[in-house]
């Protein structure tokens, strides 16, 4: 049985990733920032007949990532797919002053922006770091970093949004560097733009339902080749502009 870890999976796109991976025969490790969130979501999927284990993993906390890796190692010897889905977007902060600190130059706060980058940019790399022994044990290890079109320098036509857009652009660069380093281990790692999706973040007017978005990206998993590693891909498999 193939195995997969999905971060930020208690709801939305992460939860749907776990559902569709489970439907495709994977043993899925569903991670969330709290045990209650993880276990509630995993129990829901198990009721649907999906082989799912809920674990705690906070992408902004390296100790939490290390503990999650140890738990996964208790259940299996290899990890075939890692979906780094967890992320934060300051536009969703209920505290509008904190939101502005990542959005507007006149309100910019370095610590607030760095907090977003810690979770969205460095967090995915740290997850790979601690899952590396498990990934190396897979015959075809793959990593999908959920990025965004907002991370594309050439596509930006707006101002502000420093926290989220900056963090996704940094994720794209860091993944490229990491992918080059891990080629010798046969690990394929790509950034994927899911498109505009009807999540809490994307809103109800977005182009794709959550189910459609995950199905689009899941179709990429089986066709990824070593030469794709490090690329920034669109949901349809085409190259997304940097």
Protein backbone atom coordinates (compact mmCIF):
# COMPACT_ATOMS: atom_id res chain seq x y z
CA UNK A 1 0.00 0.00 0.00
CA UNK A 2 1.26 3.46 -0.88
CA UNK A 3 1.52 6.06 1.85
CA UNK A 4 0.96 9.82 1.87
CA UNK A 5 1.24 12.70 4.32
CA UNK A 6 -0.93 15.79 3.86
CA UNK A 7 -0.29 18.87 5.99
CA UNK A 8 -3.00 21.35 6.93
CA UNK A 9 -5.60 18.68 6.33
CA UNK A 10 -8.34 19.16 8.91
CA UNK A 11 -10.57 20.96 6.40
CA UNK A 12 -10.77 22.39 2.91
CA UNK A 13 -8.33 21.32 0.23
CA UNK A 14 -6.13 19.35 2.64
CA UNK A 15 -9.05 17.23 3.80
CA UNK A 16 -10.09 16.60 0.21
CA UNK A 17 -6.52 15.56 -0.65
CA UNK A 18 -6.75 12.93 2.09
CA UNK A 19 -10.14 11.76 0.85
CA UNK A 20 -9.09 11.37 -2.79
CA UNK A 21 -5.74 9.78 -1.92
CA UNK A 22 -7.55 7.31 0.31
CA UNK A 23 -9.99 6.54 -2.47
CA UNK A 24 -6.96 5.79 -4.64
CA UNK A 25 -5.64 3.21 -2.19
CA UNK A 26 -3.21 5.23 -0.08
CA UNK A 27 -2.70 4.95 3.64
CA UNK A 28 -3.05 8.64 4.51
CA UNK A 29 -1.52 10.54 7.40
CA UNK A 30 -3.79 13.53 7.95
CA UNK A 31 -2.04 16.27 9.88
CA UNK A 32 -3.36 19.32 11.69
CA UNK A 33 -2.06 21.70 14.35
CA UNK A 34 -4.00 20.06 17.17
CA UNK A 35 -4.79 16.45 18.07
CA UNK A 36 -8.51 17.21 18.28
CA UNK A 37 -8.54 18.72 14.77
CA UNK A 38 -6.53 15.84 13.32
CA UNK A 39 -8.48 13.05 14.95
CA UNK A 40 -11.91 14.56 14.22
CA UNK A 41 -11.07 14.91 10.52
CA UNK A 42 -9.46 11.45 10.33
CA UNK A 43 -12.45 9.83 12.04
CA UNK A 44 -14.74 11.47 9.51
CA UNK A 45 -12.75 9.94 6.63
CA UNK A 46 -12.55 6.53 8.30
CA UNK A 47 -16.35 6.52 8.35
CA UNK A 48 -16.13 6.84 4.56
CA UNK A 49 -13.94 3.73 4.42
CA UNK A 50 -10.63 5.57 4.03
CA UNK A 51 -7.48 4.27 5.70
CA UNK A 52 -6.51 7.42 7.55
CA UNK A 53 -4.43 8.28 10.63
CA UNK A 54 -4.66 11.69 12.27
CA UNK A 55 -1.43 13.23 13.59
CA UNK A 56 -0.32 16.58 14.98
CA UNK A 57 1.99 18.65 12.77
CA UNK A 58 2.50 22.39 12.93
CA UNK A 59 4.53 23.56 9.93
CA UNK A 60 5.71 26.56 11.91
CA UNK A 61 7.17 24.41 14.70
CA UNK A 62 10.15 22.17 13.88
CA UNK A 63 9.81 20.09 17.04
CA UNK A 64 6.22 19.31 16.05
CA UNK A 65 7.42 18.19 12.59
CA UNK A 66 10.06 15.92 14.12
CA UNK A 67 7.51 14.28 16.43
CA UNK A 68 5.15 13.75 13.49
CA UNK A 69 7.92 11.99 11.56
CA UNK A 70 8.53 9.67 14.51
CA UNK A 71 4.84 8.78 14.67
CA UNK A 72 4.71 8.01 10.95
CA UNK A 73 7.79 5.79 11.31
CA UNK A 74 5.88 3.73 13.88
CA UNK A 75 3.32 2.87 11.19
CA UNK A 76 5.36 2.46 8.02
CA UNK A 77 8.86 2.30 6.58
CA UNK A 78 8.39 4.62 3.61
CA UNK A 79 6.50 7.71 2.50
CA UNK A 80 5.54 7.80 -1.18
CA UNK A 81 3.88 11.21 -1.37
CA UNK A 82 4.13 14.37 0.72
CA UNK A 83 1.60 17.13 0.06
CA UNK A 84 2.67 20.35 1.77
CA UNK A 85 -0.72 22.02 1.84
CA UNK A 86 -0.56 23.90 5.17
CA UNK A 87 -0.37 27.66 4.92
CA UNK A 88 -1.66 30.95 6.26
CA UNK A 89 -2.97 34.02 4.46
CA UNK A 90 -3.02 37.32 6.37
CA UNK A 91 -6.15 38.42 4.53
CA UNK A 92 -8.03 35.90 6.67
CA UNK A 93 -6.79 37.31 9.98
CA UNK A 94 -9.76 38.47 12.11
CA UNK A 95 -7.45 41.14 13.55
CA UNK A 96 -7.51 43.73 10.76
CA UNK A 97 -4.55 45.61 12.20
CA UNK A 98 -2.46 42.43 12.03
CA UNK A 99 -3.71 41.82 8.50
CA UNK A 100 -2.62 45.33 7.45
CA UNK A 101 0.84 44.66 8.87
CA UNK A 102 1.38 42.16 6.04
CA UNK A 103 -0.55 44.06 3.36
CA UNK A 104 0.27 47.76 3.35
CA UNK A 105 3.69 49.40 3.27
CA UNK A 106 2.66 52.09 5.73
CA UNK A 107 1.65 49.41 8.25
CA UNK A 108 4.34 46.85 7.41
CA UNK A 109 5.63 44.84 10.34
CA UNK A 110 8.67 42.64 9.75
CA UNK A 111 7.80 40.10 12.45
CA UNK A 112 4.29 39.63 11.05
CA UNK A 113 5.61 39.04 7.53
CA UNK A 114 8.32 36.69 8.80
CA UNK A 115 5.68 34.67 10.65
CA UNK A 116 3.91 34.02 7.33
CA UNK A 117 7.16 33.10 5.63
CA UNK A 118 8.11 30.74 8.45
CA UNK A 119 4.93 28.72 7.90
CA UNK A 120 4.46 29.06 4.13
CA UNK A 121 8.07 29.04 2.90
CA UNK A 122 10.40 27.42 5.43
CA UNK A 123 7.82 25.09 6.94
CA UNK A 124 7.46 22.91 3.83
CA UNK A 125 11.24 22.49 3.61
CA UNK A 126 11.46 21.49 7.26
CA UNK A 127 8.70 18.93 6.73
CA UNK A 128 10.73 17.42 3.88
CA UNK A 129 13.87 17.54 6.04
CA UNK A 130 12.34 15.39 8.76
CA UNK A 131 10.44 13.09 6.36
CA UNK A 132 13.56 12.53 4.26
CA UNK A 133 14.44 9.06 5.64
CA UNK A 134 10.90 7.90 4.87
CA UNK A 135 10.91 9.46 1.41
CA UNK A 136 14.25 7.85 0.58
CA UNK A 137 12.74 4.44 1.39
CA UNK A 138 10.08 4.89 -1.29
CA UNK A 139 10.77 3.59 -4.81
CA UNK A 140 9.15 6.73 -6.31
CA UNK A 141 9.09 9.53 -3.71
CA UNK A 142 7.26 12.71 -4.64
CA UNK A 143 6.66 16.05 -2.93
CA UNK A 144 3.96 18.52 -3.96
CA UNK A 145 4.30 22.02 -2.56
CA UNK A 146 0.97 23.84 -2.84
CA UNK A 147 1.96 27.25 -4.14
CA UNK A 148 -0.10 30.04 -5.74
CA UNK A 149 -0.18 32.19 -8.86
CA UNK A 150 0.36 35.06 -6.41
CA UNK A 151 3.93 33.82 -6.05
CA UNK A 152 4.67 34.53 -9.71
CA UNK A 153 6.74 37.71 -10.14
CA UNK A 154 5.86 38.09 -13.83
CA UNK A 155 2.10 37.85 -13.15
CA UNK A 156 1.85 40.42 -10.35
CA UNK A 157 -0.28 43.44 -11.31
CA UNK A 158 -1.09 44.68 -7.79
CA UNK A 159 0.65 46.26 -4.84
CA UNK A 160 0.91 45.14 -1.23
CA UNK A 161 0.08 41.57 -0.08
CA UNK A 162 3.70 41.24 1.05
CA UNK A 163 3.19 38.37 3.48
CA UNK A 164 1.33 35.81 1.38
CA UNK A 165 2.58 36.64 -2.13
CA UNK A 166 6.14 37.02 -0.87
CA UNK A 167 5.98 33.71 1.00
CA UNK A 168 4.76 31.78 -2.03
CA UNK A 169 7.44 33.28 -4.25
CA UNK A 170 10.06 32.32 -1.67
CA UNK A 171 8.58 28.81 -1.50
CA UNK A 172 9.04 28.47 -5.26
CA UNK A 173 12.71 29.44 -5.04
CA UNK A 174 13.46 27.32 -1.97
CA UNK A 175 11.79 24.31 -3.58
CA UNK A 176 13.92 24.76 -6.70
CA UNK A 177 17.08 24.75 -4.58
CA UNK A 178 15.91 21.78 -2.53
CA UNK A 179 14.85 19.81 -5.62
CA UNK A 180 18.30 20.27 -7.13
CA UNK A 181 19.88 19.01 -3.91
CA UNK A 182 17.60 15.96 -3.67
CA UNK A 183 17.84 14.82 -7.30
CA UNK A 184 20.58 12.40 -6.31
CA UNK A 185 18.08 10.70 -3.99
CA UNK A 186 15.49 10.29 -6.73
CA UNK A 187 13.01 12.58 -5.00
CA UNK A 188 10.74 14.63 -7.28
CA UNK A 189 9.58 17.89 -5.72
CA UNK A 190 7.43 20.45 -7.54
CA UNK A 191 5.43 23.54 -6.69
CA UNK A 192 1.85 23.51 -7.97
CA UNK A 193 -0.58 26.35 -8.53
CA UNK A 194 -4.03 24.88 -7.76
CA UNK A 195 -5.86 27.71 -9.51
CA UNK A 196 -8.62 29.78 -7.95
CA UNK A 197 -10.38 27.38 -5.58
CA UNK A 198 -13.61 27.65 -3.58
CA UNK A 199 -11.96 27.40 -0.15
CA UNK A 200 -12.30 29.71 2.84
CA UNK A 201 -9.30 31.52 1.34
CA UNK A 202 -10.53 31.57 -2.26
CA UNK A 203 -14.20 32.36 -1.69
CA UNK A 204 -17.38 31.07 -3.31
CA UNK A 205 -16.83 32.79 -6.68
CA UNK A 206 -13.63 30.87 -7.47
CA UNK A 207 -13.30 28.80 -10.64
CA UNK A 208 -12.88 25.34 -9.12
CA UNK A 209 -14.61 23.41 -6.39
CA UNK A 210 -12.30 21.85 -3.86
CA UNK A 211 -13.01 18.43 -5.35
CA UNK A 212 -12.13 19.60 -8.86
CA UNK A 213 -8.93 21.32 -7.74
CA UNK A 214 -7.61 18.28 -5.90
CA UNK A 215 -8.57 15.95 -8.73
CA UNK A 216 -6.64 18.18 -11.15
CA UNK A 217 -3.51 18.12 -9.01
CA UNK A 218 -3.78 14.45 -8.12
CA UNK A 219 -3.71 13.60 -11.81
CA UNK A 220 -0.22 15.13 -11.95
CA UNK A 221 1.22 12.74 -9.36
CA UNK A 222 1.37 9.70 -11.62
CA UNK A 223 2.94 11.56 -14.55
CA UNK A 224 5.69 13.50 -12.77
CA UNK A 225 9.16 12.64 -14.04
CA UNK A 226 12.62 13.33 -12.57
CA UNK A 227 13.16 16.16 -15.05
CA UNK A 228 10.07 17.91 -13.62
CA UNK A 229 11.66 18.28 -10.20
CA UNK A 230 12.05 21.90 -9.17
CA UNK A 231 9.44 23.21 -11.61
CA UNK A 232 6.53 25.53 -10.86
CA UNK A 233 3.54 23.81 -12.49
CA UNK A 234 0.00 24.87 -13.13
CA UNK A 235 -2.83 22.56 -12.03
CA UNK A 236 -3.08 21.27 -15.61
CA UNK A 237 0.59 20.24 -15.73
CA UNK A 238 1.73 23.19 -17.83
CA UNK A 239 4.67 25.33 -16.69
CA UNK A 240 3.53 28.31 -14.65
CA UNK A 241 5.46 31.56 -15.26
CA UNK A 242 7.96 32.38 -12.56
